[in-house]
């Protein structure tokens, strides 16, 4: 008898205030390993809603729970230890690839063992980034930086990812590799995307309306 997959993220009537109407507020319960994509035209409030989930802006409506615990101002410190947030413009934070991959540990955002060179190279290879760890980040393309941010998140191994347009700088082959790799991870994900191939790989889609205001 297989054990039922439990719900981990419960969202109720959540809104950032930039939606066109209350109909765009988000209500959904997501189980472990499932993926919700927020989609819709530019300016409809997709990124703002993702930022509410990331604790980067206050909600004007609703609430959400992670593993049964409410996420609010008092629990933000705990909440930020539960997820990886990947904005559309990949944040590097260091000069070379190895330091970028390990910066969460250097900044004490992670308490697990710092990944060694072999672990770092392995995840880079899986994302078709065959570069030495000493290579300067300034030499990377936008798509390579986006994949490097994904590699770092894989090493962090947090259970939830919040991603904003994660394939925006990727060519189709790189995008397909990322989708395949992430599908193998035990990840719960909430993303913002307009990429039809990315959206097709999701279990749920929250479609927001154009904001004419």
N, C-alpha and C. Protein backbone atom coordinates (compact mmCIF):
# COMPACT_ATOMS: atom_id res chain seq x y z
N UNK A 1 0.85 -1.21 0.00
CA UNK A 1 0.00 0.00 0.00
C UNK A 1 0.88 1.25 0.00
N UNK A 2 0.72 2.09 -1.00
CA UNK A 2 1.55 3.29 -1.09
C UNK A 2 1.00 4.38 -0.18
N UNK A 3 1.92 5.12 0.39
CA UNK A 3 1.51 6.20 1.30
C UNK A 3 1.08 7.42 0.49
N UNK A 4 0.00 8.05 0.88
CA UNK A 4 -0.49 9.23 0.18
C UNK A 4 0.52 10.37 0.31
N UNK A 5 0.71 11.09 -0.78
CA UNK A 5 1.61 12.25 -0.75
C UNK A 5 0.88 13.38 -0.04
N UNK A 6 1.53 13.96 0.96
CA UNK A 6 0.83 14.94 1.77
C UNK A 6 0.91 16.34 1.17
N UNK A 7 -0.07 17.15 1.52
CA UNK A 7 -0.08 18.54 1.10
C UNK A 7 0.97 19.31 1.90
N UNK A 8 1.72 20.17 1.21
CA UNK A 8 2.76 20.93 1.91
C UNK A 8 2.54 22.44 1.86
N UNK A 9 1.93 22.93 0.78
CA UNK A 9 1.72 24.37 0.63
C UNK A 9 0.24 24.64 0.39
N UNK A 10 -0.38 25.30 1.34
CA UNK A 10 -1.80 25.62 1.25
C UNK A 10 -1.96 27.13 1.16
N UNK A 11 -2.52 27.60 0.03
CA UNK A 11 -2.65 29.03 -0.25
C UNK A 11 -4.13 29.37 -0.34
N UNK A 12 -4.53 30.42 0.36
CA UNK A 12 -5.94 30.78 0.41
C UNK A 12 -6.14 32.26 0.09
N UNK A 13 -6.79 32.55 -1.05
CA UNK A 13 -7.23 33.91 -1.40
C UNK A 13 -6.08 34.91 -1.34
N UNK A 14 -4.89 34.51 -1.83
CA UNK A 14 -3.69 35.32 -1.69
C UNK A 14 -3.58 36.34 -2.82
N UNK A 15 -3.34 37.59 -2.45
CA UNK A 15 -3.19 38.65 -3.44
C UNK A 15 -2.17 39.68 -3.03
N UNK A 16 -1.49 40.27 -4.02
CA UNK A 16 -0.47 41.29 -3.76
C UNK A 16 -1.04 42.70 -3.80
N UNK A 17 -2.24 42.84 -4.40
CA UNK A 17 -2.83 44.16 -4.58
C UNK A 17 -2.64 44.71 -5.97
N UNK A 18 -1.81 44.05 -6.78
CA UNK A 18 -1.57 44.51 -8.15
C UNK A 18 -2.38 43.74 -9.18
N UNK A 19 -3.23 42.83 -8.70
CA UNK A 19 -4.08 42.07 -9.61
C UNK A 19 -5.18 42.96 -10.20
N UNK A 20 -5.70 42.53 -11.33
CA UNK A 20 -6.78 43.29 -11.95
C UNK A 20 -8.04 43.24 -11.10
N UNK A 21 -8.30 42.08 -10.50
CA UNK A 21 -9.49 41.93 -9.67
C UNK A 21 -9.25 40.81 -8.66
N UNK A 22 -10.16 40.67 -7.72
CA UNK A 22 -10.03 39.62 -6.71
C UNK A 22 -10.13 38.23 -7.33
N UNK A 23 -10.65 38.14 -8.55
CA UNK A 23 -10.71 36.83 -9.22
C UNK A 23 -9.31 36.27 -9.47
N UNK A 24 -8.31 37.15 -9.49
CA UNK A 24 -6.94 36.70 -9.72
C UNK A 24 -6.21 36.30 -8.44
N UNK A 25 -6.86 36.44 -7.29
CA UNK A 25 -6.25 35.98 -6.05
C UNK A 25 -6.07 34.46 -6.12
N UNK A 26 -5.04 33.97 -5.46
CA UNK A 26 -4.64 32.57 -5.61
C UNK A 26 -5.12 31.72 -4.43
N UNK A 27 -5.82 30.64 -4.76
CA UNK A 27 -6.22 29.64 -3.77
C UNK A 27 -5.88 28.27 -4.34
N UNK A 28 -5.03 27.54 -3.64
CA UNK A 28 -4.62 26.22 -4.12
C UNK A 28 -3.88 25.48 -3.01
N UNK A 29 -4.05 24.18 -2.99
CA UNK A 29 -3.27 23.33 -2.09
C UNK A 29 -2.37 22.45 -2.94
N UNK A 30 -1.08 22.50 -2.65
CA UNK A 30 -0.08 21.80 -3.45
C UNK A 30 0.54 20.70 -2.61
N UNK A 31 0.67 19.53 -3.21
CA UNK A 31 1.30 18.42 -2.52
C UNK A 31 2.80 18.37 -2.81
N UNK A 32 3.51 17.65 -1.97
CA UNK A 32 4.95 17.52 -2.13
C UNK A 32 5.30 17.02 -3.53
N UNK A 33 6.24 17.71 -4.18
CA UNK A 33 6.68 17.30 -5.51
C UNK A 33 5.87 17.89 -6.65
N UNK A 34 4.83 18.66 -6.34
CA UNK A 34 4.01 19.24 -7.40
C UNK A 34 4.50 20.65 -7.77
N UNK A 35 4.05 21.11 -8.92
CA UNK A 35 4.53 22.36 -9.49
C UNK A 35 3.35 23.22 -9.95
N UNK A 36 3.28 24.41 -9.40
CA UNK A 36 2.29 25.41 -9.81
C UNK A 36 2.99 26.49 -10.63
N UNK A 37 2.45 26.82 -11.78
CA UNK A 37 2.97 27.92 -12.58
C UNK A 37 1.94 29.05 -12.62
N UNK A 38 2.40 30.28 -12.39
CA UNK A 38 1.57 31.47 -12.48
C UNK A 38 1.85 32.10 -13.84
N UNK A 39 0.81 32.27 -14.64
CA UNK A 39 1.01 32.80 -15.99
C UNK A 39 0.02 33.91 -16.27
N UNK A 40 0.24 34.60 -17.38
CA UNK A 40 -0.62 35.70 -17.76
C UNK A 40 0.19 36.78 -18.45
N UNK A 41 -0.46 37.80 -19.00
CA UNK A 41 0.24 38.85 -19.74
C UNK A 41 1.12 39.72 -18.83
N UNK A 42 2.04 40.43 -19.45
CA UNK A 42 2.91 41.34 -18.70
C UNK A 42 2.09 42.37 -17.94
N UNK A 43 2.51 42.67 -16.72
CA UNK A 43 1.86 43.70 -15.94
C UNK A 43 0.64 43.26 -15.16
N UNK A 44 0.37 41.94 -15.14
CA UNK A 44 -0.85 41.48 -14.45
C UNK A 44 -0.59 41.16 -12.98
N UNK A 45 0.68 41.23 -12.54
CA UNK A 45 0.96 41.03 -11.12
C UNK A 45 1.55 39.68 -10.77
N UNK A 46 2.05 38.94 -11.78
CA UNK A 46 2.59 37.60 -11.53
C UNK A 46 3.79 37.64 -10.57
N UNK A 47 4.78 38.47 -10.90
CA UNK A 47 5.99 38.54 -10.07
C UNK A 47 5.66 39.05 -8.68
N UNK A 48 4.75 40.00 -8.58
CA UNK A 48 4.37 40.53 -7.27
C UNK A 48 3.76 39.44 -6.39
N UNK A 49 2.96 38.57 -6.99
CA UNK A 49 2.37 37.47 -6.23
C UNK A 49 3.45 36.50 -5.76
N UNK A 50 4.43 36.22 -6.63
CA UNK A 50 5.53 35.35 -6.23
C UNK A 50 6.34 35.99 -5.09
N UNK A 51 6.51 37.32 -5.16
CA UNK A 51 7.24 38.02 -4.10
C UNK A 51 6.50 37.99 -2.77
N UNK A 52 5.17 37.95 -2.81
CA UNK A 52 4.40 37.77 -1.57
C UNK A 52 4.73 36.41 -0.96
N UNK A 53 4.76 35.38 -1.79
CA UNK A 53 5.11 34.05 -1.29
C UNK A 53 6.53 34.00 -0.73
N UNK A 54 7.43 34.80 -1.33
CA UNK A 54 8.82 34.82 -0.87
C UNK A 54 9.03 35.72 0.34
N UNK A 55 7.97 36.37 0.80
CA UNK A 55 8.09 37.25 1.96
C UNK A 55 8.78 38.56 1.63
N UNK A 56 8.80 38.93 0.36
CA UNK A 56 9.47 40.16 -0.07
C UNK A 56 8.52 41.35 -0.16
N UNK A 57 7.23 41.07 -0.13
CA UNK A 57 6.23 42.15 -0.09
C UNK A 57 5.01 41.63 0.66
N UNK A 58 4.29 42.52 1.33
CA UNK A 58 3.15 42.06 2.12
C UNK A 58 1.95 41.70 1.24
N UNK A 59 1.16 40.78 1.70
CA UNK A 59 -0.08 40.45 1.01
C UNK A 59 -1.15 41.47 1.39
N UNK A 60 -2.03 41.78 0.45
CA UNK A 60 -3.19 42.61 0.76
C UNK A 60 -4.41 41.74 1.06
N UNK A 61 -4.26 40.45 0.75
CA UNK A 61 -5.37 39.53 0.96
C UNK A 61 -4.82 38.14 1.20
N UNK A 62 -5.52 37.37 2.02
CA UNK A 62 -5.27 35.95 2.12
C UNK A 62 -4.12 35.55 3.02
N UNK A 63 -3.81 34.26 2.96
CA UNK A 63 -2.78 33.67 3.82
C UNK A 63 -2.26 32.41 3.15
N UNK A 64 -1.14 31.91 3.69
CA UNK A 64 -0.66 30.62 3.22
C UNK A 64 0.09 29.90 4.33
N UNK A 65 0.12 28.58 4.20
CA UNK A 65 0.72 27.70 5.20
C UNK A 65 1.74 26.80 4.52
N UNK A 66 2.84 26.55 5.19
CA UNK A 66 3.84 25.59 4.71
C UNK A 66 3.95 24.47 5.74
N UNK A 67 3.66 23.26 5.30
CA UNK A 67 3.69 22.09 6.17
C UNK A 67 2.86 22.32 7.44
N UNK A 68 1.72 22.95 7.24
CA UNK A 68 0.78 23.17 8.32
C UNK A 68 1.06 24.37 9.20
N UNK A 69 2.15 25.06 8.95
CA UNK A 69 2.52 26.21 9.79
C UNK A 69 2.23 27.51 9.03
N UNK A 70 1.55 28.47 9.66
CA UNK A 70 1.26 29.72 8.97
C UNK A 70 2.53 30.53 8.69
N UNK A 71 2.57 31.13 7.51
CA UNK A 71 3.67 32.01 7.15
C UNK A 71 3.20 33.45 7.35
N UNK A 72 3.82 34.13 8.31
CA UNK A 72 3.46 35.51 8.61
C UNK A 72 4.71 36.26 9.04
N UNK A 73 4.54 37.50 9.48
CA UNK A 73 5.70 38.33 9.83
C UNK A 73 6.55 37.68 10.91
N UNK A 74 5.91 36.99 11.85
CA UNK A 74 6.64 36.38 12.95
C UNK A 74 7.45 35.15 12.51
N UNK A 75 7.03 34.52 11.42
CA UNK A 75 7.71 33.28 11.00
C UNK A 75 8.61 33.47 9.78
N UNK A 76 8.86 34.71 9.38
CA UNK A 76 9.63 34.95 8.15
C UNK A 76 11.04 34.36 8.21
N UNK A 77 11.69 34.47 9.34
CA UNK A 77 13.06 33.94 9.46
C UNK A 77 13.08 32.44 9.19
N UNK A 78 12.14 31.73 9.81
CA UNK A 78 12.01 30.29 9.56
C UNK A 78 11.62 30.02 8.11
N UNK A 79 10.68 30.77 7.59
CA UNK A 79 10.15 30.55 6.25
C UNK A 79 11.25 30.69 5.20
N UNK A 80 12.13 31.66 5.35
CA UNK A 80 13.18 31.87 4.35
C UNK A 80 14.23 30.78 4.34
N UNK A 81 14.20 29.92 5.35
CA UNK A 81 15.09 28.76 5.35
C UNK A 81 14.48 27.57 4.59
N UNK A 82 13.22 27.70 4.18
CA UNK A 82 12.51 26.58 3.57
C UNK A 82 12.60 26.56 2.05
N UNK A 83 12.93 27.67 1.43
CA UNK A 83 12.84 27.73 -0.04
C UNK A 83 14.06 28.39 -0.66
N UNK A 84 14.22 28.14 -1.96
CA UNK A 84 15.17 28.87 -2.80
C UNK A 84 14.37 29.81 -3.69
N UNK A 85 14.76 31.07 -3.72
CA UNK A 85 14.10 32.06 -4.57
C UNK A 85 15.03 32.40 -5.73
N UNK A 86 14.55 32.19 -6.94
CA UNK A 86 15.35 32.46 -8.13
C UNK A 86 14.66 33.54 -8.95
N UNK A 87 15.11 34.81 -8.81
CA UNK A 87 14.51 35.89 -9.61
C UNK A 87 14.90 35.77 -11.08
N UNK A 88 14.21 36.52 -11.91
CA UNK A 88 14.45 36.41 -13.36
C UNK A 88 15.89 36.78 -13.71
N UNK A 89 16.42 37.83 -13.10
CA UNK A 89 17.82 38.18 -13.30
C UNK A 89 18.64 37.43 -12.25
N UNK A 90 19.37 36.43 -12.70
CA UNK A 90 20.08 35.55 -11.76
C UNK A 90 21.06 36.34 -10.90
N UNK A 91 20.99 36.12 -9.60
CA UNK A 91 21.89 36.78 -8.66
C UNK A 91 23.11 35.88 -8.44
N UNK A 92 24.29 36.39 -8.77
CA UNK A 92 25.51 35.61 -8.65
C UNK A 92 26.16 35.81 -7.27
N UNK A 93 26.52 37.04 -6.93
CA UNK A 93 27.03 37.34 -5.60
C UNK A 93 28.49 37.05 -5.38
N UNK A 94 29.20 36.57 -6.41
CA UNK A 94 30.62 36.27 -6.26
C UNK A 94 31.29 36.35 -7.63
N UNK A 95 32.62 36.27 -7.64
CA UNK A 95 33.40 36.51 -8.86
C UNK A 95 33.57 35.28 -9.74
N UNK A 96 33.64 34.09 -9.13
CA UNK A 96 33.87 32.90 -9.96
C UNK A 96 32.80 31.84 -9.66
N UNK A 97 32.74 30.83 -10.52
CA UNK A 97 31.68 29.84 -10.45
C UNK A 97 31.66 29.10 -9.11
N UNK A 98 32.84 28.68 -8.64
CA UNK A 98 32.89 27.95 -7.38
C UNK A 98 32.36 28.76 -6.22
N UNK A 99 32.71 30.04 -6.18
CA UNK A 99 32.24 30.90 -5.09
C UNK A 99 30.75 31.16 -5.20
N UNK A 100 30.24 31.29 -6.42
CA UNK A 100 28.80 31.48 -6.61
C UNK A 100 28.04 30.28 -6.05
N UNK A 101 28.52 29.08 -6.35
CA UNK A 101 27.84 27.87 -5.88
C UNK A 101 27.86 27.76 -4.36
N UNK A 102 28.90 28.29 -3.73
CA UNK A 102 29.06 28.09 -2.28
C UNK A 102 28.67 29.31 -1.45
N UNK A 103 28.24 30.38 -2.09
CA UNK A 103 27.98 31.61 -1.34
C UNK A 103 26.91 31.46 -0.26
N UNK A 104 25.86 30.64 -0.45
CA UNK A 104 24.89 30.50 0.66
C UNK A 104 25.54 29.98 1.95
N UNK A 105 26.56 29.15 1.82
CA UNK A 105 27.26 28.63 2.99
C UNK A 105 28.18 29.71 3.58
N UNK A 106 28.83 30.46 2.71
CA UNK A 106 29.72 31.52 3.20
C UNK A 106 28.94 32.60 3.94
N UNK A 107 27.70 32.85 3.49
CA UNK A 107 26.86 33.86 4.13
C UNK A 107 26.06 33.29 5.30
N UNK A 108 26.32 32.02 5.63
CA UNK A 108 25.65 31.36 6.77
C UNK A 108 24.15 31.18 6.55
N UNK A 109 23.72 31.21 5.28
CA UNK A 109 22.32 30.92 4.98
C UNK A 109 22.05 29.42 5.00
N UNK A 110 23.13 28.64 4.91
CA UNK A 110 23.02 27.19 4.95
C UNK A 110 23.89 26.66 6.08
N UNK A 111 23.39 25.64 6.77
CA UNK A 111 24.14 25.05 7.87
C UNK A 111 24.62 23.63 7.54
N UNK A 112 24.25 23.13 6.37
CA UNK A 112 24.71 21.81 5.95
C UNK A 112 26.19 21.88 5.53
N UNK A 113 26.76 20.73 5.22
CA UNK A 113 28.17 20.68 4.81
C UNK A 113 28.36 21.41 3.49
N UNK A 114 29.41 22.20 3.40
CA UNK A 114 29.70 22.94 2.17
C UNK A 114 29.99 21.94 1.04
N UNK A 115 29.36 22.10 -0.13
CA UNK A 115 29.62 21.15 -1.23
C UNK A 115 31.08 21.18 -1.67
N UNK A 116 31.63 20.00 -1.90
CA UNK A 116 33.03 19.93 -2.34
C UNK A 116 33.11 20.10 -3.86
N UNK A 117 34.34 20.12 -4.36
CA UNK A 117 34.54 20.36 -5.79
C UNK A 117 33.84 19.32 -6.65
N UNK A 118 33.87 18.05 -6.22
CA UNK A 118 33.24 16.99 -7.00
C UNK A 118 31.73 17.19 -7.10
N UNK A 119 31.11 17.56 -6.00
CA UNK A 119 29.66 17.81 -6.01
C UNK A 119 29.32 19.00 -6.91
N UNK A 120 30.13 20.03 -6.84
CA UNK A 120 29.90 21.22 -7.67
C UNK A 120 30.03 20.89 -9.15
N UNK A 121 31.10 20.17 -9.51
CA UNK A 121 31.30 19.83 -10.92
C UNK A 121 30.20 18.91 -11.43
N UNK A 122 29.72 18.01 -10.57
CA UNK A 122 28.68 17.08 -10.99
C UNK A 122 27.39 17.81 -11.37
N UNK A 123 26.99 18.76 -10.54
CA UNK A 123 25.74 19.48 -10.84
C UNK A 123 25.92 20.39 -12.05
N UNK A 124 27.11 20.94 -12.24
CA UNK A 124 27.38 21.76 -13.43
C UNK A 124 27.26 20.91 -14.70
N UNK A 125 27.80 19.69 -14.66
CA UNK A 125 27.73 18.81 -15.83
C UNK A 125 26.29 18.45 -16.18
N UNK A 126 25.47 18.24 -15.15
CA UNK A 126 24.07 17.91 -15.40
C UNK A 126 23.33 19.04 -16.10
N UNK A 127 23.81 20.27 -15.92
CA UNK A 127 23.18 21.43 -16.54
C UNK A 127 23.97 21.93 -17.75
N UNK A 128 24.83 21.07 -18.27
CA UNK A 128 25.62 21.39 -19.46
C UNK A 128 26.43 22.68 -19.28
N UNK A 129 27.09 22.77 -18.12
CA UNK A 129 27.98 23.89 -17.83
C UNK A 129 29.38 23.33 -17.56
N UNK A 130 30.09 22.93 -18.61
CA UNK A 130 31.38 22.27 -18.43
C UNK A 130 32.53 23.26 -18.20
N UNK A 131 32.39 24.09 -17.19
CA UNK A 131 33.39 25.11 -16.91
C UNK A 131 34.15 24.78 -15.62
N UNK A 132 35.40 25.22 -15.52
CA UNK A 132 36.11 25.05 -14.25
C UNK A 132 35.51 25.94 -13.18
N UNK A 133 35.63 25.52 -11.93
CA UNK A 133 35.07 26.31 -10.83
C UNK A 133 35.74 27.67 -10.70
N UNK A 134 36.93 27.79 -11.25
CA UNK A 134 37.67 29.06 -11.18
C UNK A 134 37.27 30.06 -12.26
N UNK A 135 36.40 29.66 -13.18
CA UNK A 135 36.04 30.55 -14.29
C UNK A 135 35.28 31.77 -13.78
N UNK A 136 35.67 32.98 -14.22
CA UNK A 136 34.96 34.19 -13.80
C UNK A 136 33.52 34.20 -14.29
N UNK A 137 32.63 34.61 -13.43
CA UNK A 137 31.21 34.71 -13.79
C UNK A 137 30.99 35.72 -14.90
N UNK A 138 31.83 36.74 -14.96
CA UNK A 138 31.68 37.78 -15.98
C UNK A 138 31.79 37.23 -17.40
N UNK A 139 32.39 36.05 -17.54
CA UNK A 139 32.55 35.44 -18.87
C UNK A 139 31.34 34.61 -19.29
N UNK A 140 30.36 34.47 -18.42
CA UNK A 140 29.20 33.63 -18.71
C UNK A 140 28.11 34.42 -19.42
N UNK A 141 27.35 33.72 -20.25
CA UNK A 141 26.18 34.33 -20.90
C UNK A 141 25.02 34.41 -19.91
N UNK A 142 23.97 35.11 -20.30
CA UNK A 142 22.79 35.20 -19.45
C UNK A 142 22.17 33.84 -19.17
N UNK A 143 22.13 32.98 -20.20
CA UNK A 143 21.57 31.65 -20.01
C UNK A 143 22.42 30.79 -19.10
N UNK A 144 23.75 30.95 -19.20
CA UNK A 144 24.64 30.19 -18.32
C UNK A 144 24.48 30.65 -16.87
N UNK A 145 24.32 31.94 -16.67
CA UNK A 145 24.09 32.43 -15.30
C UNK A 145 22.78 31.90 -14.74
N UNK A 146 21.76 31.83 -15.58
CA UNK A 146 20.47 31.31 -15.13
C UNK A 146 20.61 29.84 -14.70
N UNK A 147 21.36 29.06 -15.49
CA UNK A 147 21.59 27.65 -15.13
C UNK A 147 22.49 27.52 -13.92
N UNK A 148 23.44 28.44 -13.75
CA UNK A 148 24.31 28.41 -12.57
C UNK A 148 23.49 28.66 -11.29
N UNK A 149 22.53 29.57 -11.37
CA UNK A 149 21.66 29.81 -10.21
C UNK A 149 20.84 28.56 -9.89
N UNK A 150 20.41 27.84 -10.91
CA UNK A 150 19.67 26.59 -10.71
C UNK A 150 20.58 25.54 -10.09
N UNK A 151 21.84 25.47 -10.55
CA UNK A 151 22.81 24.52 -9.97
C UNK A 151 23.01 24.80 -8.48
N UNK A 152 23.13 26.06 -8.12
CA UNK A 152 23.30 26.42 -6.71
C UNK A 152 22.08 25.99 -5.89
N UNK A 153 20.90 26.21 -6.44
CA UNK A 153 19.68 25.82 -5.71
C UNK A 153 19.61 24.31 -5.52
N UNK A 154 20.05 23.55 -6.52
CA UNK A 154 20.08 22.08 -6.38
C UNK A 154 21.00 21.68 -5.24
N UNK A 155 22.17 22.33 -5.15
CA UNK A 155 23.11 22.02 -4.07
C UNK A 155 22.53 22.39 -2.69
N UNK A 156 21.73 23.44 -2.66
CA UNK A 156 21.13 23.86 -1.39
C UNK A 156 20.09 22.86 -0.89
N UNK A 157 19.45 22.18 -1.82
CA UNK A 157 18.53 21.07 -1.50
C UNK A 157 17.40 21.48 -0.56
N UNK A 158 16.87 22.68 -0.73
CA UNK A 158 15.69 23.06 0.04
C UNK A 158 14.44 22.51 -0.63
N UNK A 159 13.37 22.25 0.13
CA UNK A 159 12.24 21.51 -0.41
C UNK A 159 11.32 22.30 -1.35
N UNK A 160 11.40 23.63 -1.31
CA UNK A 160 10.51 24.45 -2.12
C UNK A 160 11.33 25.45 -2.94
N UNK A 161 10.98 25.59 -4.21
CA UNK A 161 11.61 26.60 -5.07
C UNK A 161 10.55 27.59 -5.54
N UNK A 162 10.90 28.87 -5.52
CA UNK A 162 10.08 29.94 -6.09
C UNK A 162 10.89 30.54 -7.24
N UNK A 163 10.39 30.42 -8.46
CA UNK A 163 11.17 30.79 -9.64
C UNK A 163 10.43 31.81 -10.50
N UNK A 164 11.12 32.85 -10.91
CA UNK A 164 10.53 33.88 -11.76
C UNK A 164 11.13 33.80 -13.16
N UNK A 165 10.33 33.39 -14.12
CA UNK A 165 10.74 33.23 -15.52
C UNK A 165 12.06 32.45 -15.62
N UNK A 166 12.09 31.21 -15.13
CA UNK A 166 13.35 30.46 -15.04
C UNK A 166 13.95 30.06 -16.38
N UNK A 167 13.18 30.14 -17.47
CA UNK A 167 13.73 29.75 -18.77
C UNK A 167 13.89 30.94 -19.72
N UNK A 168 13.76 32.16 -19.19
CA UNK A 168 13.72 33.34 -20.07
C UNK A 168 14.99 33.53 -20.88
N UNK A 169 16.16 33.11 -20.36
CA UNK A 169 17.43 33.31 -21.07
C UNK A 169 17.95 32.01 -21.67
N UNK A 170 17.14 30.95 -21.65
CA UNK A 170 17.62 29.65 -22.10
C UNK A 170 17.18 29.35 -23.54
N UNK A 171 18.09 28.72 -24.30
CA UNK A 171 17.70 28.21 -25.61
C UNK A 171 16.88 26.94 -25.40
N UNK A 172 16.16 26.47 -26.43
CA UNK A 172 15.27 25.32 -26.24
C UNK A 172 15.96 24.08 -25.68
N UNK A 173 17.18 23.78 -26.14
CA UNK A 173 17.87 22.59 -25.65
C UNK A 173 18.20 22.72 -24.16
N UNK A 174 18.70 23.88 -23.75
CA UNK A 174 19.01 24.11 -22.34
C UNK A 174 17.75 24.05 -21.49
N UNK A 175 16.67 24.66 -21.99
CA UNK A 175 15.40 24.63 -21.26
C UNK A 175 14.94 23.19 -21.04
N UNK A 176 15.03 22.36 -22.09
CA UNK A 176 14.57 20.97 -21.97
C UNK A 176 15.42 20.20 -20.97
N UNK A 177 16.73 20.49 -20.93
CA UNK A 177 17.61 19.84 -19.95
C UNK A 177 17.22 20.24 -18.53
N UNK A 178 16.93 21.52 -18.33
CA UNK A 178 16.53 22.00 -17.00
C UNK A 178 15.23 21.35 -16.57
N UNK A 179 14.24 21.32 -17.45
CA UNK A 179 12.95 20.71 -17.11
C UNK A 179 13.13 19.25 -16.74
N UNK A 180 13.93 18.51 -17.52
CA UNK A 180 14.16 17.09 -17.25
C UNK A 180 14.86 16.89 -15.91
N UNK A 181 15.86 17.73 -15.64
CA UNK A 181 16.61 17.59 -14.39
C UNK A 181 15.74 17.90 -13.18
N UNK A 182 14.97 18.97 -13.26
CA UNK A 182 14.12 19.35 -12.13
C UNK A 182 13.02 18.33 -11.89
N UNK A 183 12.57 17.67 -12.95
CA UNK A 183 11.52 16.66 -12.77
C UNK A 183 12.03 15.45 -11.98
N UNK A 184 13.36 15.30 -11.93
CA UNK A 184 13.95 14.19 -11.18
C UNK A 184 14.17 14.54 -9.71
N UNK A 185 14.03 15.82 -9.36
CA UNK A 185 14.28 16.26 -7.99
C UNK A 185 12.98 16.19 -7.16
N UNK A 186 13.09 15.95 -5.86
CA UNK A 186 11.89 15.90 -5.00
C UNK A 186 11.42 17.30 -4.60
N UNK A 187 11.16 18.12 -5.62
CA UNK A 187 10.91 19.53 -5.38
C UNK A 187 9.43 19.88 -5.48
N UNK A 188 9.00 20.78 -4.61
CA UNK A 188 7.74 21.47 -4.78
C UNK A 188 8.10 22.84 -5.35
N UNK A 189 7.41 23.27 -6.41
CA UNK A 189 7.79 24.50 -7.08
C UNK A 189 6.59 25.41 -7.35
N UNK A 190 6.83 26.71 -7.22
CA UNK A 190 5.89 27.73 -7.70
C UNK A 190 6.71 28.62 -8.61
N UNK A 191 6.27 28.77 -9.84
CA UNK A 191 7.02 29.56 -10.80
C UNK A 191 6.12 30.57 -11.50
N UNK A 192 6.76 31.60 -12.04
CA UNK A 192 6.12 32.53 -12.96
C UNK A 192 6.69 32.24 -14.33
N UNK A 193 5.85 32.02 -15.32
CA UNK A 193 6.36 31.70 -16.65
C UNK A 193 5.31 31.97 -17.72
N UNK A 194 5.82 32.27 -18.92
CA UNK A 194 4.94 32.33 -20.09
C UNK A 194 5.42 31.33 -21.16
N UNK A 195 6.40 30.50 -20.78
CA UNK A 195 6.97 29.51 -21.70
C UNK A 195 6.02 28.31 -21.81
N UNK A 196 5.44 28.06 -22.99
CA UNK A 196 4.44 27.00 -23.10
C UNK A 196 4.99 25.61 -22.78
N UNK A 197 6.26 25.36 -23.07
CA UNK A 197 6.85 24.05 -22.77
C UNK A 197 7.01 23.89 -21.27
N UNK A 198 7.46 24.94 -20.59
CA UNK A 198 7.57 24.91 -19.12
C UNK A 198 6.18 24.71 -18.50
N UNK A 199 5.19 25.45 -19.00
CA UNK A 199 3.84 25.35 -18.44
C UNK A 199 3.26 23.95 -18.61
N UNK A 200 3.60 23.32 -19.71
CA UNK A 200 3.07 21.98 -19.98
C UNK A 200 3.59 20.96 -18.97
N UNK A 201 4.75 21.24 -18.39
CA UNK A 201 5.36 20.31 -17.43
C UNK A 201 4.82 20.49 -16.00
N UNK A 202 3.94 21.46 -15.80
CA UNK A 202 3.43 21.77 -14.46
C UNK A 202 2.13 21.01 -14.18
N UNK A 203 1.90 20.75 -12.90
CA UNK A 203 0.62 20.12 -12.51
C UNK A 203 -0.53 21.12 -12.47
N UNK A 204 -0.22 22.38 -12.10
CA UNK A 204 -1.26 23.40 -11.95
C UNK A 204 -0.81 24.68 -12.64
N UNK A 205 -1.81 25.42 -13.13
CA UNK A 205 -1.52 26.72 -13.72
C UNK A 205 -2.55 27.74 -13.20
N UNK A 206 -2.04 28.86 -12.72
CA UNK A 206 -2.89 29.96 -12.25
C UNK A 206 -2.76 31.07 -13.29
N UNK A 207 -3.80 31.22 -14.11
CA UNK A 207 -3.78 32.19 -15.19
C UNK A 207 -4.38 33.50 -14.72
N UNK A 208 -3.59 34.58 -14.80
CA UNK A 208 -4.04 35.90 -14.35
C UNK A 208 -4.44 36.75 -15.56
N UNK A 209 -5.34 37.68 -15.32
CA UNK A 209 -5.86 38.53 -16.38
C UNK A 209 -4.98 39.75 -16.60
N UNK A 210 -5.10 40.34 -17.79
CA UNK A 210 -4.37 41.57 -18.07
C UNK A 210 -4.84 42.68 -17.16
N UNK A 211 -3.90 43.51 -16.71
CA UNK A 211 -4.22 44.64 -15.84
C UNK A 211 -4.24 45.90 -16.68
N UNK A 212 -5.43 46.41 -16.91
CA UNK A 212 -5.57 47.61 -17.76
C UNK A 212 -5.51 48.89 -16.94
N UNK A 213 -5.34 48.74 -15.64
CA UNK A 213 -5.26 49.93 -14.80
C UNK A 213 -3.92 50.57 -14.93
